[in-house]
Every structure is written in structure tokens, then in C-alpha cells.
Amino acid sequence: MSRLPLRARVMVWFGLVSLLLTTALAVSTWLLTSGYIIAQRDRSAIGQANSNARRLPERFMRTVQGGTAGHQRTVLDGVPVLAVGLPLPDAAATYVEVSPLRELDRTYAGPGHGTVVGRTRTTLTSHAGRYLATSLRRCSMVGAATCRRPTPVRFGRDRNHSMEGRGGDAVWETGSMPTSVSPPGGVVFS
């Protein structure tokens, strides 16, 4: 049986010692941090409860301290909250819990914004439909000739000296009277 060379044994020992040290450091860091966070959360919750109890409406607090359970929606620091108060007669105390209603406000805000978007879309669609219906009615009253794109014809002294390109794609023959004109945008004027 052969022994590991010195270099390999030193590397194994360094690896084991570093594993042991990093594990001890990680565990101690986790314990200290979690203890600090829990203590901080406790202090914050107690401070917040005291602050909320002082800022709640006096009528609500008198009702709960008088022995009647109650709840009330109110606003604390610009945040909507629900305060629930319970009398604890055996301990001669009252229990008050304040819960923020931000999620509820977000829930109500979503459909509210959707309603505004839906109303806007409906209004725009109805105006577009009204415009289209008016255009179609005008076409049926005037006749089909004004609703389609006219066929270009030529005008000029003779067919060899036409004046194409002046005023759109429609040109007329000498002596003819146009019934409609189509400019480059494709809109028909009569």
C-alpha cells in the first residue's frame, strides 16, 4: 500500500480545512443575520402597531376599548387600511390589527383602467362606423360613378401632345367634361 505524496496530502488538508472554515463562517453568518432580521421585524411590528393605534380614529378605539368588536376602513400615511379591533376582556386589553389594502386597490384599479380603454375603443369604433356609413350613404345617393376610381383619359391638342402628369393621374380629352377627378392620394372629388 502506497502513501500519497506530500503534495497531495497537503492539498487534501487545505481542502478539508477550507471546507470546515467556510461552513462555519456560512452557518454563523446565517444565524446572526436571521436573528437580527427577526428582531428587527419584531421591533418594527411593535412600533407600527403602536403608531397605528395612536393614529386610528378615537371613536373606533373607544368602541373597541368599550367592549365592542369593530372594523373600519381608513387611510394612514396615504395608504388605505382596514383596522380590526377586538376587546380582550380576560386580559383587560384590546387587540387592534391594521392591514394595508393596496392589493385590493390594485385589483379595483385594473378593471377601472380596462373600462376606460374599452370605452375609448368603443367610441372610436362607433365614430369610424358612423363615418363609413355616411360615406356609403352618400355613394348610394349620388350614384356609383363617384364612388369608384375613374379611368384616366387624355386631353390636349391631339393625342401625340398630351399633358399627362398635371393635377394627378386623370387627364381628359379636348372637349370632354370630367365627371370626377382622382388626385394622387386616390380620393375622389366630384
C-alpha atoms as a PDB file:
ATOM      1  CA  MET A   1       0.000   0.000   0.000  1.00  0.00           C
ATOM      2  CA  SER A   2       1.483   3.274  -1.079  1.00  0.00           C
ATOM      3  CA  ARG A   3       1.111   6.542   0.697  1.00  0.00           C
ATOM      4  CA  LEU A   4       0.024   9.728  -1.042  1.00  0.00           C
ATOM      5  CA  PRO A   5       2.835  12.046  -1.912  1.00  0.00           C
ATOM      6  CA  LEU A   6       3.365  15.004   0.385  1.00  0.00           C
ATOM      7  CA  ARG A   7       1.969  17.481  -2.126  1.00  0.00           C
ATOM      8  CA  ALA A   8      -1.330  15.530  -2.408  1.00  0.00           C
ATOM      9  CA  ARG A   9      -1.654  15.210   1.383  1.00  0.00           C
ATOM     10  CA  VAL A  10      -1.133  18.960   1.852  1.00  0.00           C
ATOM     11  CA  MET A  11      -3.746  19.714  -0.838  1.00  0.00           C
ATOM     12  CA  VAL A  12      -6.290  17.384   0.838  1.00  0.00           C
ATOM     13  CA  TRP A  13      -5.688  19.008   4.251  1.00  0.00           C
ATOM     14  CA  PHE A  14      -6.020  22.507   2.791  1.00  0.00           C
ATOM     15  CA  GLY A  15      -9.254  21.461   1.089  1.00  0.00           C
ATOM     16  CA  LEU A  16     -10.718  19.982   4.296  1.00  0.00           C
ATOM     17  CA  VAL A  17      -9.688  22.949   6.451  1.00  0.00           C
ATOM     18  CA  SER A  18     -11.109  25.458   3.922  1.00  0.00           C
ATOM     19  CA  LEU A  19     -14.365  23.448   3.721  1.00  0.00           C
ATOM     20  CA  LEU A  20     -14.628  23.429   7.523  1.00  0.00           C
ATOM     21  CA  LEU A  21     -13.892  27.181   7.808  1.00  0.00           C
ATOM     22  CA  THR A  22     -16.317  28.213   5.044  1.00  0.00           C
ATOM     23  CA  THR A  23     -19.054  26.028   6.546  1.00  0.00           C
ATOM     24  CA  ALA A  24     -18.523  27.555   9.997  1.00  0.00           C
ATOM     25  CA  LEU A  25     -18.492  31.062   8.521  1.00  0.00           C
ATOM     26  CA  ALA A  26     -21.675  30.425   6.491  1.00  0.00           C
ATOM     27  CA  VAL A  27     -23.573  28.957   9.471  1.00  0.00           C
ATOM     28  CA  SER A  28     -22.533  31.758  11.848  1.00  0.00           C
ATOM     29  CA  THR A  29     -23.410  34.433   9.260  1.00  0.00           C
ATOM     30  CA  TRP A  30     -26.822  32.856   8.663  1.00  0.00           C
ATOM     31  CA  LEU A  31     -27.574  32.612  12.398  1.00  0.00           C
ATOM     32  CA  LEU A  32     -26.517  36.194  13.123  1.00  0.00           C
ATOM     33  CA  THR A  33     -28.363  37.606  10.119  1.00  0.00           C
ATOM     34  CA  SER A  34     -31.592  35.692  10.694  1.00  0.00           C
ATOM     35  CA  GLY A  35     -31.578  36.645  14.392  1.00  0.00           C
ATOM     36  CA  TYR A  36     -31.051  40.303  13.512  1.00  0.00           C
ATOM     37  CA  ILE A  37     -33.788  40.260  10.845  1.00  0.00           C
ATOM     38  CA  ILE A  38     -36.304  38.593  13.176  1.00  0.00           C
ATOM     39  CA  ALA A  39     -35.519  41.055  16.000  1.00  0.00           C
ATOM     40  CA  GLN A  40     -35.792  43.978  13.563  1.00  0.00           C
ATOM     41  CA  ARG A  41     -39.131  42.685  12.279  1.00  0.00           C
ATOM     42  CA  ASP A  42     -40.431  42.352  15.843  1.00  0.00           C
ATOM     43  CA  ARG A  43     -39.349  45.900  16.748  1.00  0.00           C
ATOM     44  CA  SER A  44     -40.840  47.250  13.537  1.00  0.00           C
ATOM     45  CA  ALA A  45     -44.164  45.429  14.034  1.00  0.00           C
ATOM     46  CA  ILE A  46     -44.478  46.654  17.649  1.00  0.00           C
ATOM     47  CA  GLY A  47     -43.597  50.217  16.659  1.00  0.00           C
ATOM     48  CA  GLN A  48     -46.009  50.134  13.731  1.00  0.00           C
ATOM     49  CA  ALA A  49     -48.814  48.730  15.898  1.00  0.00           C
ATOM     50  CA  ASN A  50     -48.311  51.481  18.489  1.00  0.00           C
ATOM     51  CA  SER A  51     -48.180  54.137  15.793  1.00  0.00           C
ATOM     52  CA  ASN A  52     -51.278  52.789  14.047  1.00  0.00           C
ATOM     53  CA  ALA A  53     -53.211  52.570  17.317  1.00  0.00           C
ATOM     54  CA  ARG A  54     -52.420  56.226  18.048  1.00  0.00           C
ATOM     55  CA  ARG A  55     -53.451  57.363  14.565  1.00  0.00           C
ATOM     56  CA  LEU A  56     -56.691  55.407  14.349  1.00  0.00           C
ATOM     57  CA  PRO A  57     -59.874  57.403  14.834  1.00  0.00           C
ATOM     58  CA  GLU A  58     -60.658  57.931  18.535  1.00  0.00           C
ATOM     59  CA  ARG A  59     -64.258  56.841  18.080  1.00  0.00           C
ATOM     60  CA  PHE A  60     -63.117  53.459  16.733  1.00  0.00           C
ATOM     61  CA  MET A  61     -60.685  52.985  19.615  1.00  0.00           C
ATOM     62  CA  ARG A  62     -63.293  53.984  22.239  1.00  0.00           C
ATOM     63  CA  THR A  63     -65.747  51.473  20.735  1.00  0.00           C
ATOM     64  CA  VAL A  64     -63.219  48.609  20.913  1.00  0.00           C
ATOM     65  CA  GLN A  65     -61.979  49.580  24.371  1.00  0.00           C
ATOM     66  CA  GLY A  66     -65.629  49.756  25.475  1.00  0.00           C
ATOM     67  CA  GLY A  67     -66.012  46.040  24.777  1.00  0.00           C
ATOM     68  CA  THR A  68     -67.431  46.005  21.224  1.00  0.00           C
ATOM     69  CA  ALA A  69     -65.530  44.436  18.344  1.00  0.00           C
ATOM     70  CA  GLY A  70     -65.349  46.584  15.248  1.00  0.00           C
ATOM     71  CA  HIS A  71     -63.690  47.225  11.940  1.00  0.00           C
ATOM     72  CA  GLN A  72     -63.127  50.382   9.929  1.00  0.00           C
ATOM     73  CA  ARG A  73     -61.533  51.379   6.644  1.00  0.00           C
ATOM     74  CA  THR A  74     -59.331  54.434   6.904  1.00  0.00           C
ATOM     75  CA  VAL A  75     -56.193  55.970   5.401  1.00  0.00           C
ATOM     76  CA  LEU A  76     -52.875  56.054   7.271  1.00  0.00           C
ATOM     77  CA  ASP A  77     -49.959  57.902   5.649  1.00  0.00           C
ATOM     78  CA  GLY A  78     -51.765  57.890   2.309  1.00  0.00           C
ATOM     79  CA  VAL A  79     -52.251  54.107   2.387  1.00  0.00           C
ATOM     80  CA  PRO A  80     -55.787  52.680   2.601  1.00  0.00           C
ATOM     81  CA  VAL A  81     -56.024  50.235   5.500  1.00  0.00           C
ATOM     82  CA  LEU A  82     -58.574  48.060   7.259  1.00  0.00           C
ATOM     83  CA  ALA A  83     -58.446  48.299  11.049  1.00  0.00           C
ATOM     84  CA  VAL A  84     -59.949  45.425  13.039  1.00  0.00           C
ATOM     85  CA  GLY A  85     -60.326  45.791  16.790  1.00  0.00           C
ATOM     86  CA  LEU A  86     -61.210  43.055  19.277  1.00  0.00           C
ATOM     87  CA  PRO A  87     -61.713  43.533  23.007  1.00  0.00           C
ATOM     88  CA  LEU A  88     -59.865  41.023  25.216  1.00  0.00           C
ATOM     89  CA  PRO A  89     -61.840  41.110  28.487  1.00  0.00           C
ATOM     90  CA  ASP A  90     -59.844  38.321  30.189  1.00  0.00           C
ATOM     91  CA  ALA A  91     -56.603  40.258  29.712  1.00  0.00           C
ATOM     92  CA  ALA A  92     -58.230  43.682  30.197  1.00  0.00           C
ATOM     93  CA  ALA A  93     -56.788  44.734  26.835  1.00  0.00           C
ATOM     94  CA  THR A  94     -57.742  45.302  23.242  1.00  0.00           C
ATOM     95  CA  TYR A  95     -56.283  43.804  20.103  1.00  0.00           C
ATOM     96  CA  VAL A  96     -56.103  46.008  17.006  1.00  0.00           C
ATOM     97  CA  GLU A  97     -54.770  44.817  13.651  1.00  0.00           C
ATOM     98  CA  VAL A  98     -54.229  47.147  10.719  1.00  0.00           C
ATOM     99  CA  SER A  99     -53.954  45.573   7.259  1.00  0.00           C
ATOM    100  CA  PRO A 100     -52.998  47.563   4.162  1.00  0.00           C
ATOM    101  CA  LEU A 101     -55.471  47.360   1.269  1.00  0.00           C
ATOM    102  CA  ARG A 102     -53.011  48.095  -1.551  1.00  0.00           C
ATOM    103  CA  GLU A 103     -53.707  44.778  -3.273  1.00  0.00           C
ATOM    104  CA  LEU A 104     -57.430  45.497  -3.151  1.00  0.00           C
ATOM    105  CA  ASP A 105     -56.853  48.946  -4.651  1.00  0.00           C
ATOM    106  CA  ARG A 106     -54.748  47.402  -7.420  1.00  0.00           C
ATOM    107  CA  THR A 107     -57.453  44.821  -8.058  1.00  0.00           C
ATOM    108  CA  TYR A 108     -60.074  47.547  -8.434  1.00  0.00           C
ATOM    109  CA  ALA A 109     -57.759  49.773 -10.481  1.00  0.00           C
ATOM    110  CA  GLY A 110     -57.150  47.079 -13.133  1.00  0.00           C
ATOM    111  CA  PRO A 111     -60.785  46.751 -14.246  1.00  0.00           C
ATOM    112  CA  GLY A 112     -61.181  50.525 -13.933  1.00  0.00           C
ATOM    113  CA  HIS A 113     -58.370  51.143 -16.401  1.00  0.00           C
ATOM    114  CA  GLY A 114     -59.734  48.394 -18.645  1.00  0.00           C
ATOM    115  CA  THR A 115     -63.123  50.070 -18.614  1.00  0.00           C
ATOM    116  CA  VAL A 116     -61.600  53.390 -19.721  1.00  0.00           C
ATOM    117  CA  VAL A 117     -59.681  51.693 -22.521  1.00  0.00           C
ATOM    118  CA  GLY A 118     -62.796  49.774 -23.593  1.00  0.00           C
ATOM    119  CA  ARG A 119     -64.937  52.905 -23.635  1.00  0.00           C
ATOM    120  CA  THR A 120     -62.346  54.764 -25.679  1.00  0.00           C
ATOM    121  CA  ARG A 121     -62.069  51.900 -28.154  1.00  0.00           C
ATOM    122  CA  THR A 122     -65.860  51.654 -28.448  1.00  0.00           C
ATOM    123  CA  THR A 123     -66.202  55.397 -29.021  1.00  0.00           C
ATOM    124  CA  LEU A 124     -63.538  55.440 -31.723  1.00  0.00           C
ATOM    125  CA  THR A 125     -65.031  52.379 -33.411  1.00  0.00           C
ATOM    126  CA  SER A 126     -68.519  53.885 -33.396  1.00  0.00           C
ATOM    127  CA  HIS A 127     -67.229  57.134 -34.917  1.00  0.00           C
ATOM    128  CA  ALA A 128     -65.381  55.202 -37.611  1.00  0.00           C
ATOM    129  CA  GLY A 129     -68.528  53.172 -38.332  1.00  0.00           C
ATOM    130  CA  ARG A 130     -70.631  56.314 -38.492  1.00  0.00           C
ATOM    131  CA  TYR A 131     -68.151  57.907 -40.926  1.00  0.00           C
ATOM    132  CA  LEU A 132     -68.171  54.776 -43.099  1.00  0.00           C
ATOM    133  CA  ALA A 133     -71.963  54.569 -43.058  1.00  0.00           C
ATOM    134  CA  THR A 134     -72.240  58.240 -44.032  1.00  0.00           C
ATOM    135  CA  SER A 135     -69.779  57.729 -46.882  1.00  0.00           C
ATOM    136  CA  LEU A 136     -71.665  54.702 -48.157  1.00  0.00           C
ATOM    137  CA  ARG A 137     -74.980  56.557 -47.923  1.00  0.00           C
ATOM    138  CA  ARG A 138     -73.509  59.446 -49.911  1.00  0.00           C
ATOM    139  CA  CYS A 139     -72.313  56.985 -52.555  1.00  0.00           C
ATOM    140  CA  SER A 140     -75.752  55.416 -52.860  1.00  0.00           C
ATOM    141  CA  MET A 141     -77.419  58.834 -53.128  1.00  0.00           C
ATOM    142  CA  VAL A 142     -75.062  60.320 -55.739  1.00  0.00           C
ATOM    143  CA  GLY A 143     -74.523  57.143 -57.675  1.00  0.00           C
ATOM    144  CA  ALA A 144     -71.889  54.530 -58.165  1.00  0.00           C
ATOM    145  CA  ALA A 145     -69.908  56.671 -60.627  1.00  0.00           C
ATOM    146  CA  THR A 146     -68.486  58.907 -57.887  1.00  0.00           C
ATOM    147  CA  CYS A 147     -67.504  56.075 -55.575  1.00  0.00           C
ATOM    148  CA  ARG A 148     -65.117  54.265 -57.889  1.00  0.00           C
ATOM    149  CA  ARG A 149     -61.825  55.440 -59.264  1.00  0.00           C
ATOM    150  CA  PRO A 150     -62.298  56.920 -62.745  1.00  0.00           C
ATOM    151  CA  THR A 151     -60.446  55.588 -65.736  1.00  0.00           C
ATOM    152  CA  PRO A 152     -57.870  58.159 -66.860  1.00  0.00           C
ATOM    153  CA  VAL A 153     -58.472  59.716 -70.267  1.00  0.00           C
ATOM    154  CA  ARG A 154     -56.265  62.151 -72.175  1.00  0.00           C
ATOM    155  CA  PHE A 155     -56.803  65.742 -73.114  1.00  0.00           C
ATOM    156  CA  GLY A 156     -54.731  68.121 -75.164  1.00  0.00           C
ATOM    157  CA  ARG A 157     -54.416  69.483 -78.699  1.00  0.00           C
ATOM    158  CA  ASP A 158     -54.040  65.993 -80.043  1.00  0.00           C
ATOM    159  CA  ARG A 159     -53.232  62.558 -78.781  1.00  0.00           C
ATOM    160  CA  ASN A 160     -49.499  62.946 -79.501  1.00  0.00           C
ATOM    161  CA  HIS A 161     -49.132  66.083 -77.360  1.00  0.00           C
ATOM    162  CA  SER A 162     -50.918  65.009 -74.177  1.00  0.00           C
ATOM    163  CA  MET A 163     -50.394  66.872 -70.891  1.00  0.00           C
ATOM    164  CA  GLU A 164     -50.091  63.924 -68.514  1.00  0.00           C
ATOM    165  CA  GLY A 165     -48.868  64.465 -65.008  1.00  0.00           C
ATOM    166  CA  ARG A 166     -50.654  67.794 -64.395  1.00  0.00           C
ATOM    167  CA  GLY A 167     -53.010  67.573 -61.430  1.00  0.00           C
ATOM    168  CA  GLY A 168     -52.902  63.868 -60.673  1.00  0.00           C
ATOM    169  CA  ASP A 169     -53.303  60.768 -62.791  1.00  0.00           C
ATOM    170  CA  ALA A 170     -56.530  61.817 -64.519  1.00  0.00           C
ATOM    171  CA  VAL A 171     -56.363  63.724 -67.837  1.00  0.00           C
ATOM    172  CA  TRP A 172     -59.190  64.450 -70.270  1.00  0.00           C
ATOM    173  CA  GLU A 173     -59.642  64.663 -73.993  1.00  0.00           C
ATOM    174  CA  THR A 174     -60.326  68.009 -75.621  1.00  0.00           C
ATOM    175  CA  GLY A 175     -63.967  68.944 -75.378  1.00  0.00           C
ATOM    176  CA  SER A 176     -64.851  66.262 -72.825  1.00  0.00           C
ATOM    177  CA  MET A 177     -66.241  67.183 -69.409  1.00  0.00           C
ATOM    178  CA  PRO A 178     -64.930  65.215 -66.402  1.00  0.00           C
ATOM    179  CA  THR A 179     -67.439  63.633 -64.032  1.00  0.00           C
ATOM    180  CA  SER A 180     -64.878  63.110 -61.270  1.00  0.00           C
ATOM    181  CA  VAL A 181     -61.197  63.756 -60.593  1.00  0.00           C
ATOM    182  CA  SER A 182     -58.795  61.461 -58.758  1.00  0.00           C
ATOM    183  CA  PRO A 183     -55.690  63.190 -57.305  1.00  0.00           C
ATOM    184  CA  PRO A 184     -52.540  61.252 -56.333  1.00  0.00           C
ATOM    185  CA  GLY A 185     -53.972  60.323 -52.893  1.00  0.00           C
ATOM    186  CA  GLY A 186     -56.746  58.284 -54.538  1.00  0.00           C
ATOM    187  CA  VAL A 187     -59.613  60.356 -53.045  1.00  0.00           C
ATOM    188  CA  VAL A 188     -62.458  61.016 -55.459  1.00  0.00           C
ATOM    189  CA  PHE A 189     -63.859  64.547 -55.690  1.00  0.00           C
ATOM    190  CA  SER A 190     -66.979  65.318 -57.685  1.00  0.00           C
END
